[in-house]
Amino acid sequence: ALAARLGGVRARARQGALLREGIRVVIAGQPNAGKSSLLN
C-alpha cells in the first residue's frame, strides 16, 4: 500500500516538476523548411 501511494505522489511530482521547469524544444531541419515560421 505504501508503494502504491508513493507511485501516485511520484506521478504528481513529475507533473509538478514539468510545470515548474518546462521543456526545451528545438526546431531543427534544413534551410527554408519553415523553422522560423513555425516558431512564430
PDB file of all heavy atoms in Angstrom:
ATOM      1  N   ALA A   1       0.829  -1.207   0.000  1.00  0.00           N
ATOM      2  CA  ALA A   1       0.000   0.000   0.000  1.00  0.00           C
ATOM      3  C   ALA A   1       0.864   1.257   0.000  1.00  0.00           C
ATOM      4  O   ALA A   1       0.546   2.247  -0.677  1.00  0.00           O
ATOM      5  CB  ALA A   1      -0.918  -0.016   1.223  1.00  0.00           C
ATOM      6  N   LEU A   2       1.966   1.199   0.732  1.00  0.00           N
ATOM      7  CA  LEU A   2       2.888   2.344   0.768  1.00  0.00           C
ATOM      8  C   LEU A   2       3.503   2.584  -0.608  1.00  0.00           C
ATOM      9  O   LEU A   2       3.600   3.725  -1.070  1.00  0.00           O
ATOM     10  CB  LEU A   2       3.973   2.080   1.807  1.00  0.00           C
ATOM     11  CG  LEU A   2       5.053   3.147   1.977  1.00  0.00           C
ATOM     12  CD1 LEU A   2       4.444   4.475   2.384  1.00  0.00           C
ATOM     13  CD2 LEU A   2       6.079   2.696   3.027  1.00  0.00           C
ATOM     14  N   ALA A   3       3.896   1.507  -1.282  1.00  0.00           N
ATOM     15  CA  ALA A   3       4.493   1.636  -2.616  1.00  0.00           C
ATOM     16  C   ALA A   3       3.476   2.192  -3.610  1.00  0.00           C
ATOM     17  O   ALA A   3       3.820   3.013  -4.466  1.00  0.00           O
ATOM     18  CB  ALA A   3       5.016   0.286  -3.087  1.00  0.00           C
ATOM     19  N   ALA A   4       2.219   1.758  -3.489  1.00  0.00           N
ATOM     20  CA  ALA A   4       1.187   2.253  -4.396  1.00  0.00           C
ATOM     21  C   ALA A   4       0.934   3.744  -4.170  1.00  0.00           C
ATOM     22  O   ALA A   4       0.791   4.517  -5.126  1.00  0.00           O
ATOM     23  CB  ALA A   4      -0.107   1.471  -4.193  1.00  0.00           C
ATOM     24  N   ARG A   5       0.883   4.132  -2.907  1.00  0.00           N
ATOM     25  CA  ARG A   5       0.677   5.546  -2.612  1.00  0.00           C
ATOM     26  C   ARG A   5       1.855   6.383  -3.103  1.00  0.00           C
ATOM     27  O   ARG A   5       1.683   7.490  -3.622  1.00  0.00           O
ATOM     28  CB  ARG A   5       0.476   5.738  -1.113  1.00  0.00           C
ATOM     29  CG  ARG A   5       0.134   7.159  -0.719  1.00  0.00           C
ATOM     30  CD  ARG A   5      -0.361   7.233   0.695  1.00  0.00           C
ATOM     31  NE  ARG A   5      -0.852   8.575   1.001  1.00  0.00           N
ATOM     32  CZ  ARG A   5      -1.477   8.895   2.131  1.00  0.00           C
ATOM     33  NH1 ARG A   5      -1.715   7.963   3.039  1.00  0.00           N
ATOM     34  NH2 ARG A   5      -1.884  10.131   2.335  1.00  0.00           N
ATOM     35  N   LEU A   6       3.055   5.850  -2.924  1.00  0.00           N
ATOM     36  CA  LEU A   6       4.243   6.534  -3.411  1.00  0.00           C
ATOM     37  C   LEU A   6       4.173   6.727  -4.924  1.00  0.00           C
ATOM     38  O   LEU A   6       4.572   7.768  -5.441  1.00  0.00           O
ATOM     39  CB  LEU A   6       5.493   5.741  -3.034  1.00  0.00           C
ATOM     40  CG  LEU A   6       6.818   6.251  -3.607  1.00  0.00           C
ATOM     41  CD1 LEU A   6       7.155   7.623  -3.039  1.00  0.00           C
ATOM     42  CD2 LEU A   6       7.950   5.260  -3.329  1.00  0.00           C
ATOM     43  N   GLY A   7       3.664   5.734  -5.639  1.00  0.00           N
ATOM     44  CA  GLY A   7       3.548   5.851  -7.089  1.00  0.00           C
ATOM     45  C   GLY A   7       2.691   7.035  -7.496  1.00  0.00           C
ATOM     46  O   GLY A   7       3.020   7.762  -8.440  1.00  0.00           O
ATOM     47  N   GLY A   8       1.580   7.250  -6.780  1.00  0.00           N
ATOM     48  CA  GLY A   8       0.730   8.399  -7.071  1.00  0.00           C
ATOM     49  C   GLY A   8       1.429   9.718  -6.790  1.00  0.00           C
ATOM     50  O   GLY A   8       1.319  10.668  -7.576  1.00  0.00           O
ATOM     51  N   VAL A   9       2.167   9.781  -5.686  1.00  0.00           N
ATOM     52  CA  VAL A   9       2.901  11.007  -5.343  1.00  0.00           C
ATOM     53  C   VAL A   9       3.990  11.275  -6.378  1.00  0.00           C
ATOM     54  O   VAL A   9       4.201  12.418  -6.797  1.00  0.00           O
ATOM     55  CB  VAL A   9       3.510  10.901  -3.930  1.00  0.00           C
ATOM     56  CG1 VAL A   9       4.377  12.107  -3.620  1.00  0.00           C
ATOM     57  CG2 VAL A   9       2.410  10.766  -2.883  1.00  0.00           C
ATOM     58  N   ARG A  10       4.678  10.235  -6.816  1.00  0.00           N
ATOM     59  CA  ARG A  10       5.723  10.411  -7.826  1.00  0.00           C
ATOM     60  C   ARG A  10       5.145  10.934  -9.131  1.00  0.00           C
ATOM     61  O   ARG A  10       5.735  11.809  -9.778  1.00  0.00           O
ATOM     62  CB  ARG A  10       6.433   9.082  -8.091  1.00  0.00           C
ATOM     63  CG  ARG A  10       7.342   8.610  -6.982  1.00  0.00           C
ATOM     64  CD  ARG A  10       8.063   7.345  -7.404  1.00  0.00           C
ATOM     65  NE  ARG A  10       9.076   7.618  -8.425  1.00  0.00           N
ATOM     66  CZ  ARG A  10       9.668   6.674  -9.149  1.00  0.00           C
ATOM     67  NH1 ARG A  10       9.312   5.397  -9.000  1.00  0.00           N
ATOM     68  NH2 ARG A  10      10.590   6.977 -10.026  1.00  0.00           N
ATOM     69  N   ALA A  11       3.998  10.399  -9.528  1.00  0.00           N
ATOM     70  CA  ALA A  11       3.381  10.849 -10.779  1.00  0.00           C
ATOM     71  C   ALA A  11       3.031  12.332 -10.702  1.00  0.00           C
ATOM     72  O   ALA A  11       3.294  13.101 -11.637  1.00  0.00           O
ATOM     73  CB  ALA A  11       2.130  10.018 -11.078  1.00  0.00           C
ATOM     74  N   ARG A  12       2.448  12.754  -9.577  1.00  0.00           N
ATOM     75  CA  ARG A  12       2.094  14.164  -9.432  1.00  0.00           C
ATOM     76  C   ARG A  12       3.340  15.034  -9.321  1.00  0.00           C
ATOM     77  O   ARG A  12       3.364  16.162  -9.815  1.00  0.00           O
ATOM     78  CB  ARG A  12       1.182  14.355  -8.223  1.00  0.00           C
ATOM     79  CG  ARG A  12      -0.221  13.811  -8.432  1.00  0.00           C
ATOM     80  CD  ARG A  12      -1.164  14.224  -7.316  1.00  0.00           C
ATOM     81  NE  ARG A  12      -0.846  13.563  -6.061  1.00  0.00           N
ATOM     82  CZ  ARG A  12      -1.233  12.332  -5.736  1.00  0.00           C
ATOM     83  NH1 ARG A  12      -1.944  11.621  -6.596  1.00  0.00           N
ATOM     84  NH2 ARG A  12      -0.917  11.805  -4.581  1.00  0.00           N
ATOM     85  N   ALA A  13       4.388  14.516  -8.665  1.00  0.00           N
ATOM     86  CA  ALA A  13       5.628  15.283  -8.539  1.00  0.00           C
ATOM     87  C   ALA A  13       6.287  15.471  -9.900  1.00  0.00           C
ATOM     88  O   ALA A  13       6.825  16.551 -10.202  1.00  0.00           O
ATOM     89  CB  ALA A  13       6.592  14.594  -7.580  1.00  0.00           C
ATOM     90  N   ARG A  14       6.267  14.426 -10.736  1.00  0.00           N
ATOM     91  CA  ARG A  14       6.838  14.566 -12.082  1.00  0.00           C
ATOM     92  C   ARG A  14       6.085  15.621 -12.886  1.00  0.00           C
ATOM     93  O   ARG A  14       6.687  16.419 -13.604  1.00  0.00           O
ATOM     94  CB  ARG A  14       6.812  13.217 -12.807  1.00  0.00           C
ATOM     95  CG  ARG A  14       7.923  12.257 -12.381  1.00  0.00           C
ATOM     96  CD  ARG A  14       8.034  11.092 -13.340  1.00  0.00           C
ATOM     97  NE  ARG A  14       6.856  10.233 -13.282  1.00  0.00           N
ATOM     98  CZ  ARG A  14       6.749   9.156 -12.523  1.00  0.00           C
ATOM     99  NH1 ARG A  14       7.752   8.797 -11.751  1.00  0.00           N
ATOM    100  NH2 ARG A  14       5.659   8.421 -12.530  1.00  0.00           N
ATOM    101  N   GLN A  15       4.759  15.614 -12.768  1.00  0.00           N
ATOM    102  CA  GLN A  15       3.978  16.628 -13.461  1.00  0.00           C
ATOM    103  C   GLN A  15       4.274  18.021 -12.909  1.00  0.00           C
ATOM    104  O   GLN A  15       4.380  18.996 -13.653  1.00  0.00           O
ATOM    105  CB  GLN A  15       2.479  16.324 -13.326  1.00  0.00           C
ATOM    106  CG  GLN A  15       2.051  15.012 -13.947  1.00  0.00           C
ATOM    107  CD  GLN A  15       2.270  14.974 -15.444  1.00  0.00           C
ATOM    108  OE1 GLN A  15       1.636  15.697 -16.202  1.00  0.00           O
ATOM    109  NE2 GLN A  15       3.195  14.137 -15.887  1.00  0.00           N
ATOM    110  N   GLY A  16       4.422  18.104 -11.580  1.00  0.00           N
ATOM    111  CA  GLY A  16       4.743  19.390 -10.955  1.00  0.00           C
ATOM    112  C   GLY A  16       6.108  19.907 -11.370  1.00  0.00           C
ATOM    113  O   GLY A  16       6.293  21.107 -11.582  1.00  0.00           O
ATOM    114  N   ALA A  17       7.074  18.994 -11.495  1.00  0.00           N
ATOM    115  CA  ALA A  17       8.411  19.398 -11.944  1.00  0.00           C
ATOM    116  C   ALA A  17       8.374  19.881 -13.389  1.00  0.00           C
ATOM    117  O   ALA A  17       9.047  20.852 -13.756  1.00  0.00           O
ATOM    118  CB  ALA A  17       9.392  18.225 -11.803  1.00  0.00           C
ATOM    119  N   LEU A  18       7.567  19.203 -14.206  1.00  0.00           N
ATOM    120  CA  LEU A  18       7.422  19.635 -15.606  1.00  0.00           C
ATOM    121  C   LEU A  18       6.780  21.008 -15.674  1.00  0.00           C
ATOM    122  O   LEU A  18       7.179  21.858 -16.473  1.00  0.00           O
ATOM    123  CB  LEU A  18       6.570  18.609 -16.360  1.00  0.00           C
ATOM    124  CG  LEU A  18       6.372  18.844 -17.854  1.00  0.00           C
ATOM    125  CD1 LEU A  18       7.710  18.811 -18.576  1.00  0.00           C
ATOM    126  CD2 LEU A  18       5.438  17.788 -18.433  1.00  0.00           C
ATOM    127  N   LEU A  19       5.797  21.242 -14.798  1.00  0.00           N
ATOM    128  CA  LEU A  19       5.119  22.536 -14.770  1.00  0.00           C
ATOM    129  C   LEU A  19       6.080  23.630 -14.334  1.00  0.00           C
ATOM    130  O   LEU A  19       5.986  24.771 -14.778  1.00  0.00           O
ATOM    131  CB  LEU A  19       3.928  22.460 -13.809  1.00  0.00           C
ATOM    132  CG  LEU A  19       2.847  23.527 -13.915  1.00  0.00           C
ATOM    133  CD1 LEU A  19       2.220  23.524 -15.297  1.00  0.00           C
ATOM    134  CD2 LEU A  19       1.774  23.286 -12.860  1.00  0.00           C
ATOM    135  N   ARG A  20       7.010  23.297 -13.462  1.00  0.00           N
ATOM    136  CA  ARG A  20       7.970  24.286 -12.978  1.00  0.00           C
ATOM    137  C   ARG A  20       9.090  24.533 -13.981  1.00  0.00           C
ATOM    138  O   ARG A  20       9.433  25.669 -14.293  1.00  0.00           O
ATOM    139  CB  ARG A  20       8.578  23.821 -11.652  1.00  0.00           C
ATOM    140  CG  ARG A  20       9.638  24.768 -11.104  1.00  0.00           C
ATOM    141  CD  ARG A  20      10.272  24.233  -9.835  1.00  0.00           C
ATOM    142  NE  ARG A  20      11.230  25.187  -9.311  1.00  0.00           N
ATOM    143  CZ  ARG A  20      12.512  25.235  -9.656  1.00  0.00           C
ATOM    144  NH1 ARG A  20      12.989  24.360 -10.537  1.00  0.00           N
ATOM    145  NH2 ARG A  20      13.320  26.131  -9.137  1.00  0.00           N
ATOM    146  N   GLU A  21       9.670  23.450 -14.476  1.00  0.00           N
ATOM    147  CA  GLU A  21      10.854  23.570 -15.328  1.00  0.00           C
ATOM    148  C   GLU A  21      10.501  23.826 -16.789  1.00  0.00           C
ATOM    149  O   GLU A  21      11.251  24.486 -17.501  1.00  0.00           O
ATOM    150  CB  GLU A  21      11.702  22.293 -15.231  1.00  0.00           C
ATOM    151  CG  GLU A  21      12.118  21.918 -13.814  1.00  0.00           C
ATOM    152  CD  GLU A  21      13.137  22.866 -13.233  1.00  0.00           C
ATOM    153  OE1 GLU A  21      13.738  23.632 -14.005  1.00  0.00           O
ATOM    154  OE2 GLU A  21      13.331  22.832 -12.006  1.00  0.00           O
ATOM    155  N   GLY A  22       9.347  23.286 -17.230  1.00  0.00           N
ATOM    156  CA  GLY A  22       9.021  23.352 -18.641  1.00  0.00           C
ATOM    157  C   GLY A  22       9.892  22.383 -19.436  1.00  0.00           C
ATOM    158  O   GLY A  22      10.652  21.596 -18.874  1.00  0.00           O
ATOM    159  N   ILE A  23       9.781  22.417 -20.754  1.00  0.00           N
ATOM    160  CA  ILE A  23      10.611  21.559 -21.590  1.00  0.00           C
ATOM    161  C   ILE A  23      11.309  22.408 -22.644  1.00  0.00           C
ATOM    162  O   ILE A  23      10.779  23.414 -23.107  1.00  0.00           O
ATOM    163  CB  ILE A  23       9.802  20.432 -22.269  1.00  0.00           C
ATOM    164  CG1 ILE A  23       8.700  21.024 -23.155  1.00  0.00           C
ATOM    165  CG2 ILE A  23       9.218  19.494 -21.248  1.00  0.00           C
ATOM    166  CD1 ILE A  23       7.996  19.978 -23.988  1.00  0.00           C
ATOM    167  N   ARG A  24      12.507  21.993 -23.000  1.00  0.00           N
ATOM    168  CA  ARG A  24      13.312  22.679 -24.012  1.00  0.00           C
ATOM    169  C   ARG A  24      13.078  22.005 -25.366  1.00  0.00           C
ATOM    170  O   ARG A  24      13.437  20.835 -25.542  1.00  0.00           O
ATOM    171  CB  ARG A  24      14.780  22.641 -23.645  1.00  0.00           C
ATOM    172  CG  ARG A  24      15.134  23.436 -22.387  1.00  0.00           C
ATOM    173  CD  ARG A  24      16.494  23.074 -21.880  1.00  0.00           C
ATOM    174  NE  ARG A  24      16.540  21.667 -21.472  1.00  0.00           N
ATOM    175  CZ  ARG A  24      17.631  21.026 -21.092  1.00  0.00           C
ATOM    176  NH1 ARG A  24      18.793  21.646 -21.069  1.00  0.00           N
ATOM    177  NH2 ARG A  24      17.579  19.756 -20.727  1.00  0.00           N
ATOM    178  N   VAL A  25      12.456  22.725 -26.272  1.00  0.00           N
ATOM    179  CA  VAL A  25      12.111  22.194 -27.583  1.00  0.00           C
ATOM    180  C   VAL A  25      12.953  22.910 -28.636  1.00  0.00           C
ATOM    181  O   VAL A  25      12.996  24.141 -28.657  1.00  0.00           O
ATOM    182  CB  VAL A  25      10.612  22.390 -27.887  1.00  0.00           C
ATOM    183  CG1 VAL A  25      10.279  21.873 -29.278  1.00  0.00           C
ATOM    184  CG2 VAL A  25       9.763  21.689 -26.832  1.00  0.00           C
ATOM    185  N   VAL A  26      13.615  22.161 -29.483  1.00  0.00           N
ATOM    186  CA  VAL A  26      14.434  22.728 -30.554  1.00  0.00           C
ATOM    187  C   VAL A  26      13.790  22.394 -31.894  1.00  0.00           C
ATOM    188  O   VAL A  26      13.450  21.232 -32.163  1.00  0.00           O
ATOM    189  CB  VAL A  26      15.877  22.183 -30.502  1.00  0.00           C
ATOM    190  CG1 VAL A  26      16.668  22.649 -31.711  1.00  0.00           C
ATOM    191  CG2 VAL A  26      16.561  22.647 -29.227  1.00  0.00           C
ATOM    192  N   ILE A  27      13.619  23.418 -32.735  1.00  0.00           N
ATOM    193  CA  ILE A  27      13.134  23.218 -34.104  1.00  0.00           C
ATOM    194  C   ILE A  27      14.354  23.070 -35.002  1.00  0.00           C
ATOM    195  O   ILE A  27      15.178  23.982 -35.092  1.00  0.00           O
ATOM    196  CB  ILE A  27      12.270  24.400 -34.562  1.00  0.00           C
ATOM    197  CG1 ILE A  27      11.119  24.642 -33.580  1.00  0.00           C
ATOM    198  CG2 ILE A  27      11.711  24.143 -35.956  1.00  0.00           C
ATOM    199  CD1 ILE A  27      10.311  25.895 -33.880  1.00  0.00           C
ATOM    200  N   ALA A  28      14.475  21.922 -35.646  1.00  0.00           N
ATOM    201  CA  ALA A  28      15.652  21.638 -36.465  1.00  0.00           C
ATOM    202  C   ALA A  28      15.226  21.211 -37.861  1.00  0.00           C
ATOM    203  O   ALA A  28      14.123  20.695 -38.058  1.00  0.00           O
ATOM    204  CB  ALA A  28      16.503  20.551 -35.817  1.00  0.00           C
ATOM    205  N   GLY A  29      16.121  21.399 -38.801  1.00  0.00           N
ATOM    206  CA  GLY A  29      15.836  20.990 -40.174  1.00  0.00           C
ATOM    207  C   GLY A  29      16.716  21.742 -41.146  1.00  0.00           C
ATOM    208  O   GLY A  29      17.566  22.552 -40.760  1.00  0.00           O
ATOM    209  N   GLN A  30      16.508  21.474 -42.414  1.00  0.00           N
ATOM    210  CA  GLN A  30      17.293  22.128 -43.450  1.00  0.00           C
ATOM    211  C   GLN A  30      16.866  23.596 -43.609  1.00  0.00           C
ATOM    212  O   GLN A  30      15.789  23.990 -43.156  1.00  0.00           O
ATOM    213  CB  GLN A  30      17.110  21.395 -44.782  1.00  0.00           C
ATOM    214  CG  GLN A  30      17.629  19.965 -44.784  1.00  0.00           C
ATOM    215  CD  GLN A  30      17.574  19.374 -46.182  1.00  0.00           C
ATOM    216  OE1 GLN A  30      18.189  19.897 -47.120  1.00  0.00           O
ATOM    217  NE2 GLN A  30      16.850  18.266 -46.327  1.00  0.00           N
ATOM    218  N   PRO A  31      17.697  24.393 -44.269  1.00  0.00           N
ATOM    219  CA  PRO A  31      17.307  25.777 -44.542  1.00  0.00           C
ATOM    220  C   PRO A  31      16.014  25.839 -45.350  1.00  0.00           C
ATOM    221  O   PRO A  31      15.745  24.975 -46.198  1.00  0.00           O
ATOM    222  CB  PRO A  31      18.494  26.322 -45.356  1.00  0.00           C
ATOM    223  CG  PRO A  31      19.653  25.470 -44.959  1.00  0.00           C
ATOM    224  CD  PRO A  31      19.089  24.110 -44.724  1.00  0.00           C
ATOM    225  N   ASN A  32      15.203  26.845 -45.065  1.00  0.00           N
ATOM    226  CA  ASN A  32      13.952  27.094 -45.784  1.00  0.00           C
ATOM    227  C   ASN A  32      12.878  26.029 -45.574  1.00  0.00           C
ATOM    228  O   ASN A  32      11.928  25.951 -46.334  1.00  0.00           O
ATOM    229  CB  ASN A  32      14.191  27.252 -47.292  1.00  0.00           C
ATOM    230  CG  ASN A  32      14.561  28.683 -47.649  1.00  0.00           C
ATOM    231  OD1 ASN A  32      14.576  29.564 -46.792  1.00  0.00           O
ATOM    232  ND2 ASN A  32      14.867  28.910 -48.908  1.00  0.00           N
ATOM    233  N   ALA A  33      13.033  25.220 -44.520  1.00  0.00           N
ATOM    234  CA  ALA A  33      11.974  24.252 -44.213  1.00  0.00           C
ATOM    235  C   ALA A  33      10.804  24.929 -43.512  1.00  0.00           C
ATOM    236  O   ALA A  33       9.721  24.341 -43.403  1.00  0.00           O
ATOM    237  CB  ALA A  33      12.526  23.123 -43.346  1.00  0.00           C
ATOM    238  N   GLY A  34      11.026  26.154 -43.015  1.00  0.00           N
ATOM    239  CA  GLY A  34       9.953  26.882 -42.343  1.00  0.00           C
ATOM    240  C   GLY A  34      10.089  26.906 -40.833  1.00  0.00           C
ATOM    241  O   GLY A  34       9.103  27.069 -40.115  1.00  0.00           O
ATOM    242  N   LYS A  35      11.321  26.775 -40.330  1.00  0.00           N
ATOM    243  CA  LYS A  35      11.537  26.720 -38.879  1.00  0.00           C
ATOM    244  C   LYS A  35      11.128  28.032 -38.201  1.00  0.00           C
ATOM    245  O   LYS A  35      10.454  28.024 -37.167  1.00  0.00           O
ATOM    246  CB  LYS A  35      13.005  26.400 -38.585  1.00  0.00           C
ATOM    247  CG  LYS A  35      13.442  25.032 -39.107  1.00  0.00           C
ATOM    248  CD  LYS A  35      14.882  24.714 -38.760  1.00  0.00           C
ATOM    249  CE  LYS A  35      15.857  25.683 -39.413  1.00  0.00           C
ATOM    250  NZ  LYS A  35      15.788  25.631 -40.901  1.00  0.00           N
ATOM    251  N   SER A  36      11.548  29.154 -38.773  1.00  0.00           N
ATOM    252  CA  SER A  36      11.203  30.445 -38.178  1.00  0.00           C
ATOM    253  C   SER A  36       9.696  30.691 -38.236  1.00  0.00           C
ATOM    254  O   SER A  36       9.099  31.235 -37.295  1.00  0.00           O
ATOM    255  CB  SER A  36      11.957  31.575 -38.890  1.00  0.00           C
ATOM    256  OG  SER A  36      13.360  31.421 -38.735  1.00  0.00           O
ATOM    257  N   SER A  37       9.072  30.278 -39.343  1.00  0.00           N
ATOM    258  CA  SER A  37       7.611  30.420 -39.450  1.00  0.00           C
ATOM    259  C   SER A  37       6.909  29.575 -38.394  1.00  0.00           C
ATOM    260  O   SER A  37       5.898  29.995 -37.825  1.00  0.00           O
ATOM    261  CB  SER A  37       7.148  30.001 -40.849  1.00  0.00           C
ATOM    262  OG  SER A  37       7.689  30.846 -41.841  1.00  0.00           O
ATOM    263  N   LEU A  38       7.452  28.392 -38.109  1.00  0.00           N
ATOM    264  CA  LEU A  38       6.847  27.529 -37.095  1.00  0.00           C
ATOM    265  C   LEU A  38       6.984  28.144 -35.710  1.00  0.00           C
ATOM    266  O   LEU A  38       6.036  28.110 -34.914  1.00  0.00           O
ATOM    267  CB  LEU A  38       7.493  26.145 -37.132  1.00  0.00           C
ATOM    268  CG  LEU A  38       6.970  25.141 -36.092  1.00  0.00           C
ATOM    269  CD1 LEU A  38       5.454  25.002 -36.175  1.00  0.00           C
ATOM    270  CD2 LEU A  38       7.662  23.795 -36.264  1.00  0.00           C
ATOM    271  N   LEU A  39       8.163  28.722 -35.412  1.00  0.00           N
ATOM    272  CA  LEU A  39       8.326  29.394 -34.128  1.00  0.00           C
ATOM    273  C   LEU A  39       7.300  30.517 -33.984  1.00  0.00           C
ATOM    274  O   LEU A  39       6.656  30.648 -32.933  1.00  0.00           O
ATOM    275  CB  LEU A  39       9.738  29.963 -33.994  1.00  0.00           C
ATOM    276  CG  LEU A  39       9.999  30.844 -32.769  1.00  0.00           C
ATOM    277  CD1 LEU A  39       9.830  30.051 -31.484  1.00  0.00           C
ATOM    278  CD2 LEU A  39      11.395  31.459 -32.825  1.00  0.00           C
ATOM    279  N   ASN A  40       7.135  31.313 -35.022  1.00  0.00           N
ATOM    280  CA  ASN A  40       6.163  32.402 -34.978  1.00  0.00           C
ATOM    281  C   ASN A  40       4.741  31.869 -34.794  1.00  0.00           C
ATOM    282  O   ASN A  40       3.938  32.447 -34.055  1.00  0.00           O
ATOM    283  CB  ASN A  40       6.247  33.236 -36.260  1.00  0.00           C
ATOM    284  CG  ASN A  40       7.560  33.997 -36.375  1.00  0.00           C
ATOM    285  OD1 ASN A  40       8.276  34.174 -35.387  1.00  0.00           O
ATOM    286  ND2 ASN A  40       7.882  34.444 -37.574  1.00  0.00           N
TER     287      ASN A  40
END
